[in-house]
Amino acid sequence: MSTLIVVRHGQASFLSEDYDRLSALGWEQSRLLGRYWAAQGLCPTRIVVGPRKRHQETADALLEEMGKEGMTCPESIHDERLDEFNWDGLMAYANSTLSVEDSDVGALKAAFEAAEDTKAKRRTIQHYMEAVMERWATGAFHEAGLETWGEFCGRVQSALKDSVVDSPRGSRVALVTSGGVAAVTAGSVLGLAPKKTLGLIWTLRNGALVEYLYHDTQISLSAFNSAPHLPAKNHWTYR
């Protein structure tokens, strides 16, 4: 049997001008994963990294820590298909159109805009995003130029399949990507409906792992939201 590990990136810079970079805590979460893998002798035989800065920074941090421990890992491979779904496009459509046409979504948007501090903004935007995502995933709307839920799942499944093709027995493949991609890998393997798959996104911690065992065309989920490298709760974040 071989192992496939999907790594959610470390904490990014949520609600900042540049979301797509790791926060100080995100760098630490990623370094801790590298140290843990090194201590366990778990060097990946293949590393595939998504296209975002936060993906690459996560990979850079964990590989640097493994290198400090004398472990030589392969050069990372980049795969555009491991990109997150288009948050910006979805929220732009929600802000301009969906929130006007759907009163429930409009109320959630208004609550977010009225929030007075960061804590309140984090809470209210979560409710807003969940509503938008559910409508997108269930096909309640479609905006020209926006990737559909089916298209998103299709490219993730394609990347997952290609990442392990022709890998020898006993391989350890690591994919560094985002929460939506990690959730879709699990939803696909478990045969979950879109709404159930969406629910997985919100539970995934930054830096957490989704692990699979595979052989030929058979793949099985062995661990979800695993984070043995983050035993302290002050390292647990979800945004």
C-alpha atoms as a PDB file:
ATOM      1  CA  MET A   1       0.000   0.000   0.000  1.00  0.00           C
ATOM      2  CA  SER A   2       1.015   3.618  -0.570  1.00  0.00           C
ATOM      3  CA  THR A   3       0.046   6.795   1.249  1.00  0.00           C
ATOM      4  CA  LEU A   4      -1.418  10.045  -0.072  1.00  0.00           C
ATOM      5  CA  ILE A   5      -1.455  13.053   2.267  1.00  0.00           C
ATOM      6  CA  VAL A   6      -3.388  16.205   1.419  1.00  0.00           C
ATOM      7  CA  VAL A   7      -2.004  19.127   3.430  1.00  0.00           C
ATOM      8  CA  ARG A   8      -4.114  22.209   4.029  1.00  0.00           C
ATOM      9  CA  HIS A   9      -1.904  25.301   3.992  1.00  0.00           C
ATOM     10  CA  GLY A  10      -0.966  27.084   7.206  1.00  0.00           C
ATOM     11  CA  GLN A  11      -3.013  30.011   8.413  1.00  0.00           C
ATOM     12  CA  ALA A  12      -3.187  32.725   5.771  1.00  0.00           C
ATOM     13  CA  SER A  13      -3.703  36.446   6.362  1.00  0.00           C
ATOM     14  CA  PHE A  14      -7.495  36.478   6.690  1.00  0.00           C
ATOM     15  CA  LEU A  15      -9.221  39.892   6.413  1.00  0.00           C
ATOM     16  CA  SER A  16      -5.936  41.577   5.474  1.00  0.00           C
ATOM     17  CA  GLU A  17      -5.176  43.398   2.225  1.00  0.00           C
ATOM     18  CA  ASP A  18      -3.194  40.382   0.985  1.00  0.00           C
ATOM     19  CA  TYR A  19      -4.881  37.172   2.089  1.00  0.00           C
ATOM     20  CA  ASP A  20      -2.608  34.969  -0.011  1.00  0.00           C
ATOM     21  CA  ARG A  21       0.387  34.773   2.315  1.00  0.00           C
ATOM     22  CA  LEU A  22       0.999  32.925   5.543  1.00  0.00           C
ATOM     23  CA  SER A  23       0.591  34.673   8.854  1.00  0.00           C
ATOM     24  CA  ALA A  24       3.347  34.302  11.449  1.00  0.00           C
ATOM     25  CA  LEU A  25       1.309  31.468  12.980  1.00  0.00           C
ATOM     26  CA  GLY A  26       0.843  29.897   9.541  1.00  0.00           C
ATOM     27  CA  TRP A  27       4.616  29.734   9.079  1.00  0.00           C
ATOM     28  CA  GLU A  28       4.963  28.116  12.489  1.00  0.00           C
ATOM     29  CA  GLN A  29       2.248  25.533  11.771  1.00  0.00           C
ATOM     30  CA  SER A  30       4.056  24.600   8.569  1.00  0.00           C
ATOM     31  CA  ARG A  31       7.452  24.371  10.236  1.00  0.00           C
ATOM     32  CA  LEU A  32       5.986  22.137  12.928  1.00  0.00           C
ATOM     33  CA  LEU A  33       4.723  19.744  10.257  1.00  0.00           C
ATOM     34  CA  GLY A  34       8.204  19.567   8.735  1.00  0.00           C
ATOM     35  CA  ARG A  35       9.760  18.861  12.118  1.00  0.00           C
ATOM     36  CA  TYR A  36       7.189  16.175  12.869  1.00  0.00           C
ATOM     37  CA  TRP A  37       7.687  14.405   9.562  1.00  0.00           C
ATOM     38  CA  ALA A  38      11.459  14.567  10.009  1.00  0.00           C
ATOM     39  CA  ALA A  39      11.245  13.132  13.530  1.00  0.00           C
ATOM     40  CA  GLN A  40       9.087  10.278  12.237  1.00  0.00           C
ATOM     41  CA  GLY A  41      11.242   9.674   9.156  1.00  0.00           C
ATOM     42  CA  LEU A  42       8.272  10.401   6.914  1.00  0.00           C
ATOM     43  CA  CYS A  43       9.852  12.033   3.884  1.00  0.00           C
ATOM     44  CA  PRO A  44       7.453  12.325   0.916  1.00  0.00           C
ATOM     45  CA  THR A  45       8.517  10.574  -2.275  1.00  0.00           C
ATOM     46  CA  ARG A  46       6.525  13.103  -4.330  1.00  0.00           C
ATOM     47  CA  ILE A  47       5.366  16.616  -3.397  1.00  0.00           C
ATOM     48  CA  VAL A  48       2.751  18.424  -5.478  1.00  0.00           C
ATOM     49  CA  VAL A  49       1.996  22.063  -4.645  1.00  0.00           C
ATOM     50  CA  GLY A  50      -0.932  24.257  -5.620  1.00  0.00           C
ATOM     51  CA  PRO A  51      -0.429  27.606  -7.389  1.00  0.00           C
ATOM     52  CA  ARG A  52      -1.056  30.039  -4.546  1.00  0.00           C
ATOM     53  CA  LYS A  53       1.592  31.814  -2.503  1.00  0.00           C
ATOM     54  CA  ARG A  54       0.193  30.310   0.703  1.00  0.00           C
ATOM     55  CA  HIS A  55       0.584  26.819  -0.780  1.00  0.00           C
ATOM     56  CA  GLN A  56       4.194  27.405  -1.775  1.00  0.00           C
ATOM     57  CA  GLU A  57       5.092  29.059   1.533  1.00  0.00           C
ATOM     58  CA  THR A  58       3.649  26.089   3.418  1.00  0.00           C
ATOM     59  CA  ALA A  59       5.692  23.681   1.315  1.00  0.00           C
ATOM     60  CA  ASP A  60       8.822  25.829   1.637  1.00  0.00           C
ATOM     61  CA  ALA A  61       8.546  25.971   5.430  1.00  0.00           C
ATOM     62  CA  LEU A  62       8.021  22.261   5.996  1.00  0.00           C
ATOM     63  CA  LEU A  63      10.720  21.247   3.486  1.00  0.00           C
ATOM     64  CA  GLU A  64      13.218  23.660   5.045  1.00  0.00           C
ATOM     65  CA  GLU A  65      12.654  22.083   8.456  1.00  0.00           C
ATOM     66  CA  MET A  66      13.080  18.602   7.047  1.00  0.00           C
ATOM     67  CA  GLY A  67      16.295  19.709   5.368  1.00  0.00           C
ATOM     68  CA  LYS A  68      17.616  20.979   8.685  1.00  0.00           C
ATOM     69  CA  GLU A  69      17.201  17.435   9.988  1.00  0.00           C
ATOM     70  CA  GLY A  70      19.255  16.043   7.109  1.00  0.00           C
ATOM     71  CA  MET A  71      16.330  14.708   5.089  1.00  0.00           C
ATOM     72  CA  THR A  72      16.547  15.118   1.319  1.00  0.00           C
ATOM     73  CA  CYS A  73      13.119  15.428  -0.267  1.00  0.00           C
ATOM     74  CA  PRO A  74      12.307  15.570  -3.986  1.00  0.00           C
ATOM     75  CA  GLU A  75      11.755  18.834  -5.827  1.00  0.00           C
ATOM     76  CA  SER A  76       8.140  19.939  -5.589  1.00  0.00           C
ATOM     77  CA  ILE A  77       5.858  19.737  -8.616  1.00  0.00           C
ATOM     78  CA  HIS A  78       3.333  22.509  -9.275  1.00  0.00           C
ATOM     79  CA  ASP A  79      -0.217  21.741 -10.320  1.00  0.00           C
ATOM     80  CA  GLU A  80      -2.714  24.516 -11.115  1.00  0.00           C
ATOM     81  CA  ARG A  81      -5.573  22.075 -10.553  1.00  0.00           C
ATOM     82  CA  LEU A  82      -4.853  22.176  -6.802  1.00  0.00           C
ATOM     83  CA  ASP A  83      -6.002  25.789  -6.668  1.00  0.00           C
ATOM     84  CA  GLU A  84      -8.900  26.699  -4.397  1.00  0.00           C
ATOM     85  CA  PHE A  85     -12.249  27.494  -5.979  1.00  0.00           C
ATOM     86  CA  ASN A  86     -12.746  31.134  -6.970  1.00  0.00           C
ATOM     87  CA  TRP A  87     -13.610  32.743  -3.622  1.00  0.00           C
ATOM     88  CA  ASP A  88     -13.171  36.241  -5.005  1.00  0.00           C
ATOM     89  CA  GLY A  89     -15.415  35.612  -7.992  1.00  0.00           C
ATOM     90  CA  LEU A  90     -18.113  33.963  -5.907  1.00  0.00           C
ATOM     91  CA  MET A  91     -18.138  36.726  -3.322  1.00  0.00           C
ATOM     92  CA  ALA A  92     -18.104  39.440  -5.989  1.00  0.00           C
ATOM     93  CA  TYR A  93     -21.192  37.862  -7.541  1.00  0.00           C
ATOM     94  CA  ALA A  94     -22.788  37.475  -4.117  1.00  0.00           C
ATOM     95  CA  ASN A  95     -22.113  41.106  -3.222  1.00  0.00           C
ATOM     96  CA  SER A  96     -23.397  42.520  -6.507  1.00  0.00           C
ATOM     97  CA  THR A  97     -26.229  40.190  -7.470  1.00  0.00           C
ATOM     98  CA  LEU A  98     -27.079  37.256  -5.215  1.00  0.00           C
ATOM     99  CA  SER A  99     -27.470  39.418  -2.096  1.00  0.00           C
ATOM    100  CA  VAL A 100     -29.980  41.555  -4.014  1.00  0.00           C
ATOM    101  CA  GLU A 101     -31.960  38.651  -5.455  1.00  0.00           C
ATOM    102  CA  ASP A 102     -31.916  36.464  -2.314  1.00  0.00           C
ATOM    103  CA  SER A 103     -33.132  38.251   0.805  1.00  0.00           C
ATOM    104  CA  ASP A 104     -31.608  35.704   3.190  1.00  0.00           C
ATOM    105  CA  VAL A 105     -28.185  36.136   1.619  1.00  0.00           C
ATOM    106  CA  GLY A 106     -28.717  39.899   1.633  1.00  0.00           C
ATOM    107  CA  ALA A 107     -29.375  39.868   5.373  1.00  0.00           C
ATOM    108  CA  LEU A 108     -26.175  37.918   6.024  1.00  0.00           C
ATOM    109  CA  LYS A 109     -24.203  40.363   3.884  1.00  0.00           C
ATOM    110  CA  ALA A 110     -25.665  43.284   5.825  1.00  0.00           C
ATOM    111  CA  ALA A 111     -24.760  41.647   9.150  1.00  0.00           C
ATOM    112  CA  PHE A 112     -21.161  41.259   8.029  1.00  0.00           C
ATOM    113  CA  GLU A 113     -20.943  44.853   6.854  1.00  0.00           C
ATOM    114  CA  ALA A 114     -22.380  46.066  10.156  1.00  0.00           C
ATOM    115  CA  ALA A 115     -19.955  44.053  12.306  1.00  0.00           C
ATOM    116  CA  GLU A 116     -17.867  46.402  14.399  1.00  0.00           C
ATOM    117  CA  ASP A 117     -14.767  44.369  15.218  1.00  0.00           C
ATOM    118  CA  THR A 118     -12.641  41.563  13.795  1.00  0.00           C
ATOM    119  CA  LYS A 119     -14.221  38.876  15.969  1.00  0.00           C
ATOM    120  CA  ALA A 120     -17.707  39.837  14.819  1.00  0.00           C
ATOM    121  CA  LYS A 121     -16.571  40.073  11.202  1.00  0.00           C
ATOM    122  CA  ARG A 122     -15.087  36.587  11.345  1.00  0.00           C
ATOM    123  CA  ARG A 123     -18.352  35.190  12.723  1.00  0.00           C
ATOM    124  CA  THR A 124     -20.686  36.997  10.332  1.00  0.00           C
ATOM    125  CA  ILE A 125     -18.629  36.403   7.189  1.00  0.00           C
ATOM    126  CA  GLN A 126     -18.617  32.695   8.004  1.00  0.00           C
ATOM    127  CA  HIS A 127     -22.422  32.604   7.886  1.00  0.00           C
ATOM    128  CA  TYR A 128     -22.414  34.676   4.711  1.00  0.00           C
ATOM    129  CA  MET A 129     -19.872  32.448   2.963  1.00  0.00           C
ATOM    130  CA  GLU A 130     -21.680  29.264   3.976  1.00  0.00           C
ATOM    131  CA  ALA A 131     -24.915  30.499   2.431  1.00  0.00           C
ATOM    132  CA  VAL A 132     -23.226  31.546  -0.802  1.00  0.00           C
ATOM    133  CA  MET A 133     -21.284  28.288  -1.049  1.00  0.00           C
ATOM    134  CA  GLU A 134     -24.338  26.120  -0.468  1.00  0.00           C
ATOM    135  CA  ARG A 135     -26.238  27.873  -3.235  1.00  0.00           C
ATOM    136  CA  TRP A 136     -23.264  27.574  -5.582  1.00  0.00           C
ATOM    137  CA  ALA A 137     -22.646  23.880  -4.874  1.00  0.00           C
ATOM    138  CA  THR A 138     -26.299  22.913  -5.267  1.00  0.00           C
ATOM    139  CA  GLY A 139     -26.638  24.812  -8.554  1.00  0.00           C
ATOM    140  CA  ALA A 140     -29.022  27.488  -7.296  1.00  0.00           C
ATOM    141  CA  PHE A 141     -27.217  30.024  -9.479  1.00  0.00           C
ATOM    142  CA  HIS A 142     -24.638  30.098 -12.221  1.00  0.00           C
ATOM    143  CA  GLU A 143     -22.700  33.137 -13.337  1.00  0.00           C
ATOM    144  CA  ALA A 144     -20.963  33.109 -16.716  1.00  0.00           C
ATOM    145  CA  GLY A 145     -17.205  32.833 -16.244  1.00  0.00           C
ATOM    146  CA  LEU A 146     -17.433  31.276 -12.783  1.00  0.00           C
ATOM    147  CA  GLU A 147     -16.336  27.683 -12.359  1.00  0.00           C
ATOM    148  CA  THR A 148     -19.243  25.438 -11.407  1.00  0.00           C
ATOM    149  CA  TRP A 149     -19.115  23.105  -8.433  1.00  0.00           C
ATOM    150  CA  GLY A 150     -18.979  20.157 -10.823  1.00  0.00           C
ATOM    151  CA  GLU A 151     -16.051  21.654 -12.714  1.00  0.00           C
ATOM    152  CA  PHE A 152     -14.209  22.335  -9.475  1.00  0.00           C
ATOM    153  CA  CYS A 153     -14.690  18.774  -8.246  1.00  0.00           C
ATOM    154  CA  GLY A 154     -13.693  17.417 -11.631  1.00  0.00           C
ATOM    155  CA  ARG A 155     -10.320  19.155 -11.736  1.00  0.00           C
ATOM    156  CA  VAL A 156      -9.561  18.175  -8.138  1.00  0.00           C
ATOM    157  CA  GLN A 157     -10.359  14.537  -8.855  1.00  0.00           C
ATOM    158  CA  SER A 158      -8.186  14.699 -11.973  1.00  0.00           C
ATOM    159  CA  ALA A 159      -5.242  16.149 -10.014  1.00  0.00           C
ATOM    160  CA  LEU A 160      -5.677  13.529  -7.296  1.00  0.00           C
ATOM    161  CA  LYS A 161      -5.602  10.694  -9.825  1.00  0.00           C
ATOM    162  CA  ASP A 162      -2.579  12.057 -11.682  1.00  0.00           C
ATOM    163  CA  SER A 163      -0.610  12.663  -8.480  1.00  0.00           C
ATOM    164  CA  VAL A 164      -0.450   8.951  -7.710  1.00  0.00           C
ATOM    165  CA  VAL A 165      -0.334   7.456 -11.196  1.00  0.00           C
ATOM    166  CA  ASP A 166       2.623   5.145 -11.785  1.00  0.00           C
ATOM    167  CA  SER A 167       3.886   5.653  -8.238  1.00  0.00           C
ATOM    168  CA  PRO A 168       5.663   2.527  -6.948  1.00  0.00           C
ATOM    169  CA  ARG A 169       4.382   0.498  -4.019  1.00  0.00           C
ATOM    170  CA  GLY A 170       5.172   2.141  -0.691  1.00  0.00           C
ATOM    171  CA  SER A 171       5.122   5.683  -2.107  1.00  0.00           C
ATOM    172  CA  ARG A 172       4.295   8.651   0.093  1.00  0.00           C
ATOM    173  CA  VAL A 173       2.718  11.433  -1.976  1.00  0.00           C
ATOM    174  CA  ALA A 174       1.973  14.841  -0.424  1.00  0.00           C
ATOM    175  CA  LEU A 175      -0.323  17.480  -1.942  1.00  0.00           C
ATOM    176  CA  VAL A 176      -0.118  21.008  -0.502  1.00  0.00           C
ATOM    177  CA  THR A 177      -3.309  22.911  -1.228  1.00  0.00           C
ATOM    178  CA  SER A 178      -6.389  24.604   0.271  1.00  0.00           C
ATOM    179  CA  GLY A 179      -9.311  23.542   2.437  1.00  0.00           C
ATOM    180  CA  GLY A 180     -11.856  23.295  -0.360  1.00  0.00           C
ATOM    181  CA  VAL A 181      -9.610  21.015  -2.390  1.00  0.00           C
ATOM    182  CA  ALA A 182      -8.859  18.827   0.648  1.00  0.00           C
ATOM    183  CA  ALA A 183     -12.571  18.534   1.451  1.00  0.00           C
ATOM    184  CA  VAL A 184     -13.452  17.590  -2.122  1.00  0.00           C
ATOM    185  CA  THR A 185     -10.870  14.787  -2.112  1.00  0.00           C
ATOM    186  CA  ALA A 186     -12.609  13.317   0.928  1.00  0.00           C
ATOM    187  CA  GLY A 187     -16.096  13.940  -0.424  1.00  0.00           C
ATOM    188  CA  SER A 188     -15.171  12.226  -3.670  1.00  0.00           C
ATOM    189  CA  VAL A 189     -13.664   9.163  -1.999  1.00  0.00           C
ATOM    190  CA  LEU A 190     -16.602   8.845   0.415  1.00  0.00           C
ATOM    191  CA  GLY A 191     -19.275   9.578  -2.214  1.00  0.00           C
ATOM    192  CA  LEU A 192     -20.727  12.532  -0.305  1.00  0.00           C
ATOM    193  CA  ALA A 193     -23.360  14.928  -1.616  1.00  0.00           C
ATOM    194  CA  PRO A 194     -22.226  18.552  -2.199  1.00  0.00           C
ATOM    195  CA  LYS A 195     -23.747  19.883   1.026  1.00  0.00           C
ATOM    196  CA  LYS A 196     -21.988  17.217   3.108  1.00  0.00           C
ATOM    197  CA  THR A 197     -18.702  17.921   1.348  1.00  0.00           C
ATOM    198  CA  LEU A 198     -19.074  21.639   2.059  1.00  0.00           C
ATOM    199  CA  GLY A 199     -19.470  20.854   5.731  1.00  0.00           C
ATOM    200  CA  LEU A 200     -16.007  19.311   5.737  1.00  0.00           C
ATOM    201  CA  ILE A 201     -14.412  22.566   4.575  1.00  0.00           C
ATOM    202  CA  TRP A 202     -15.374  24.482   7.689  1.00  0.00           C
ATOM    203  CA  THR A 203     -13.979  21.833  10.047  1.00  0.00           C
ATOM    204  CA  LEU A 204     -10.475  21.592   8.548  1.00  0.00           C
ATOM    205  CA  ARG A 205      -7.739  23.182  10.618  1.00  0.00           C
ATOM    206  CA  ASN A 206      -4.907  25.111   9.012  1.00  0.00           C
ATOM    207  CA  GLY A 207      -1.969  22.773   8.522  1.00  0.00           C
ATOM    208  CA  ALA A 208      -4.133  19.687   9.038  1.00  0.00           C
ATOM    209  CA  LEU A 209      -3.850  16.504   6.975  1.00  0.00           C
ATOM    210  CA  VAL A 210      -6.289  14.331   5.076  1.00  0.00           C
ATOM    211  CA  GLU A 211      -4.667  10.928   4.611  1.00  0.00           C
ATOM    212  CA  TYR A 212      -5.426   8.051   2.255  1.00  0.00           C
ATOM    213  CA  LEU A 213      -4.133   4.567   1.563  1.00  0.00           C
ATOM    214  CA  TYR A 214      -4.103   3.551  -2.079  1.00  0.00           C
ATOM    215  CA  HIS A 215      -3.164   0.666  -4.323  1.00  0.00           C
ATOM    216  CA  ASP A 216      -3.683   0.625  -8.090  1.00  0.00           C
ATOM    217  CA  THR A 217      -7.173   2.132  -8.560  1.00  0.00           C
ATOM    218  CA  GLN A 218      -8.301   1.570  -4.963  1.00  0.00           C
ATOM    219  CA  ILE A 219      -8.162   4.461  -2.467  1.00  0.00           C
ATOM    220  CA  SER A 220      -9.448   4.607   1.110  1.00  0.00           C
ATOM    221  CA  LEU A 221      -9.635   7.430   3.638  1.00  0.00           C
ATOM    222  CA  SER A 222      -7.477   6.664   6.675  1.00  0.00           C
ATOM    223  CA  ALA A 223      -7.532  10.000   8.572  1.00  0.00           C
ATOM    224  CA  PHE A 224      -9.332  13.337   8.271  1.00  0.00           C
ATOM    225  CA  ASN A 225      -8.258  16.606   9.896  1.00  0.00           C
ATOM    226  CA  SER A 226      -5.251  14.891  11.445  1.00  0.00           C
ATOM    227  CA  ALA A 227      -2.724  17.217  13.100  1.00  0.00           C
ATOM    228  CA  PRO A 228      -0.331  15.279  15.362  1.00  0.00           C
ATOM    229  CA  HIS A 229       2.221  18.038  14.763  1.00  0.00           C
ATOM    230  CA  LEU A 230      -0.137  20.590  16.374  1.00  0.00           C
ATOM    231  CA  PRO A 231      -0.879  19.181  19.833  1.00  0.00           C
ATOM    232  CA  ALA A 232      -1.318  22.612  21.460  1.00  0.00           C
ATOM    233  CA  LYS A 233      -4.689  24.295  20.910  1.00  0.00           C
ATOM    234  CA  ASN A 234      -3.051  27.684  20.445  1.00  0.00           C
ATOM    235  CA  HIS A 235      -1.867  26.317  17.086  1.00  0.00           C
ATOM    236  CA  TRP A 236      -5.403  25.436  15.969  1.00  0.00           C
ATOM    237  CA  THR A 237      -6.935  27.855  13.480  1.00  0.00           C
ATOM    238  CA  TYR A 238      -9.582  27.514  10.796  1.00  0.00           C
ATOM    239  CA  ARG A 239      -9.045  30.688   8.742  1.00  0.00           C
END
